[in-house]
Amino acid sequence: MTHTTAVRNALADLVVDRLDQGTGAAHGHLEILGADYGVLATLDLSNPAFGAATGGVATANAIASALASATGIATMFRLRDRDDVLVLSGTVTATGGGGEVTLSSTSVFAGDTVNVTAAQYTAPA
């Protein structure tokens, strides 16, 4: 089974638009996790969090940098909506590593600034 590009765009938009739902905060957030699933850093998303999908891919709008609260190797992420409800999760890699979220380095040290270099959601083909 395959989806047309129009359907993939609609699916991607449906998923990422969920991040803008809720009333608890002005925006959703991105949690960067270590291998033990501990939160290394929490970054604020824009509102809206993602732009409109093209080719089945939605790309994140600006994500604010944040200071790391713990030390570890970033391996996963969680995206939460404005009410702190989990919407999706995935992999973190260094830039060029193929993760859905990329950082300049996956080595995170408490007190250092964490910057996301890219974040995308790809709807299934």
Protein backbone atom coordinates (compact mmCIF):
# COMPACT_ATOMS: atom_id res chain seq x y z
CA MET A 1 0.00 0.00 0.00
CA THR A 2 1.30 3.44 -0.87
CA HIS A 3 0.01 6.94 -0.30
CA THR A 4 -0.13 9.76 -2.81
CA THR A 5 1.88 12.87 -2.04
CA ALA A 6 -1.30 14.78 -1.20
CA VAL A 7 -2.27 12.14 1.38
CA ARG A 8 1.28 12.04 2.80
CA ASN A 9 1.19 15.83 3.18
CA ALA A 10 -2.19 15.64 4.95
CA LEU A 11 -0.91 12.90 7.28
CA ALA A 12 2.25 14.82 8.15
CA ASP A 13 0.31 18.02 8.80
CA LEU A 14 -2.20 16.15 10.99
CA VAL A 15 0.56 14.73 13.19
CA VAL A 16 2.69 17.87 13.61
CA ASP A 17 -0.33 20.17 14.05
CA ARG A 18 -1.12 18.16 17.19
CA LEU A 19 1.92 19.79 18.82
CA ASP A 20 0.12 23.15 18.74
CA GLN A 21 -2.92 21.81 20.61
CA GLY A 22 -3.68 22.53 24.25
CA THR A 23 -3.83 25.52 26.54
CA GLY A 24 -1.26 24.74 29.23
CA ALA A 25 1.68 26.56 27.66
CA ALA A 26 2.32 28.94 24.79
CA HIS A 27 4.08 26.19 22.80
CA GLY A 28 4.96 22.52 22.78
CA HIS A 29 8.42 21.26 23.60
CA LEU A 30 11.11 18.86 22.52
CA GLU A 31 12.82 16.62 25.06
CA ILE A 32 16.27 15.28 24.20
CA LEU A 33 16.82 11.90 25.88
CA GLY A 34 19.86 9.81 26.71
CA ALA A 35 20.17 6.06 26.22
CA ASP A 36 18.61 5.50 29.67
CA TYR A 37 15.58 7.63 28.60
CA GLY A 38 16.57 10.35 31.06
CA VAL A 39 15.86 13.90 29.87
CA LEU A 40 19.08 15.70 28.95
CA ALA A 41 17.46 18.95 27.77
CA THR A 42 14.03 20.43 27.08
CA LEU A 43 13.69 22.91 24.23
CA ASP A 44 10.74 25.15 23.35
CA LEU A 45 9.07 24.72 19.97
CA SER A 46 7.70 27.59 17.92
CA ASN A 47 3.94 27.97 17.63
CA PRO A 48 3.18 26.69 15.07
CA ALA A 49 5.83 24.03 15.67
CA PHE A 50 6.15 22.87 12.04
CA GLY A 51 5.60 24.32 8.60
CA ALA A 52 3.22 22.81 6.05
CA ALA A 53 4.36 19.47 4.66
CA THR A 54 5.86 19.20 1.20
CA GLY A 55 6.56 15.83 -0.39
CA GLY A 56 5.23 14.16 2.75
CA VAL A 57 7.80 15.89 4.97
CA ALA A 58 7.05 18.54 7.59
CA THR A 59 10.04 20.57 8.80
CA ALA A 60 10.18 22.18 12.22
CA ASN A 61 10.07 25.92 12.55
CA ALA A 62 12.71 27.49 14.82
CA ILE A 63 13.42 25.54 18.00
CA ALA A 64 14.85 27.58 20.86
CA SER A 65 18.20 26.46 22.25
CA ALA A 66 18.32 25.47 25.93
CA LEU A 67 20.80 24.60 28.64
CA ALA A 68 21.24 20.89 29.23
CA SER A 69 20.00 19.71 32.62
CA ALA A 70 22.02 16.46 32.56
CA THR A 71 25.02 14.82 30.92
CA GLY A 72 24.77 11.94 28.45
CA ILE A 73 24.72 10.82 24.84
CA ALA A 74 21.54 11.95 23.04
CA THR A 75 19.85 9.02 21.31
CA MET A 76 16.10 9.74 21.32
CA PHE A 77 13.59 12.57 21.48
CA ARG A 78 10.01 13.14 22.56
CA LEU A 79 7.75 15.87 21.19
CA ARG A 80 5.00 17.06 23.54
CA ASP A 81 2.07 19.38 22.93
CA ARG A 82 1.16 22.53 24.88
CA ASP A 83 -0.51 20.41 27.60
CA ASP A 84 2.61 18.20 27.94
CA VAL A 85 0.93 15.25 26.17
CA LEU A 86 3.31 13.00 24.23
CA VAL A 87 2.68 13.27 20.47
CA LEU A 88 5.62 11.39 18.96
CA SER A 89 9.14 10.19 19.57
CA GLY A 90 12.09 9.16 17.45
CA THR A 91 15.84 9.12 17.00
CA VAL A 92 18.47 11.80 17.55
CA THR A 93 21.75 11.79 15.67
CA ALA A 94 24.53 14.23 14.94
CA THR A 95 24.01 16.36 11.84
CA GLY A 96 24.16 14.11 8.76
CA GLY A 97 23.42 10.96 10.78
CA GLY A 98 19.88 10.43 9.52
CA GLY A 99 17.89 10.98 12.72
CA GLU A 100 14.54 12.74 12.71
CA VAL A 101 16.14 15.30 15.03
CA THR A 102 19.76 16.28 14.54
CA LEU A 103 22.17 18.05 16.87
CA SER A 104 25.62 19.41 16.11
CA SER A 105 26.88 16.81 18.61
CA THR A 106 25.11 14.02 20.47
CA SER A 107 27.46 14.47 23.44
CA VAL A 108 25.49 16.59 25.89
CA PHE A 109 26.96 18.05 29.07
CA ALA A 110 24.95 19.59 31.91
CA GLY A 111 25.00 23.38 31.63
CA ASP A 112 26.00 23.43 27.95
CA THR A 113 23.73 24.93 25.31
CA VAL A 114 21.84 22.39 23.19
CA ASN A 115 20.95 23.46 19.64
CA VAL A 116 18.83 21.49 17.20
CA THR A 117 20.23 21.69 13.66
CA ALA A 118 17.12 20.11 12.05
CA ALA A 119 13.88 18.33 12.90
CA GLN A 120 11.50 16.68 10.45
CA TYR A 121 8.50 14.41 10.41
CA THR A 122 8.09 12.16 7.36
CA ALA A 123 4.73 10.55 6.63
CA PRO A 124 4.87 6.96 5.34
CA ALA A 125 4.93 6.50 1.58
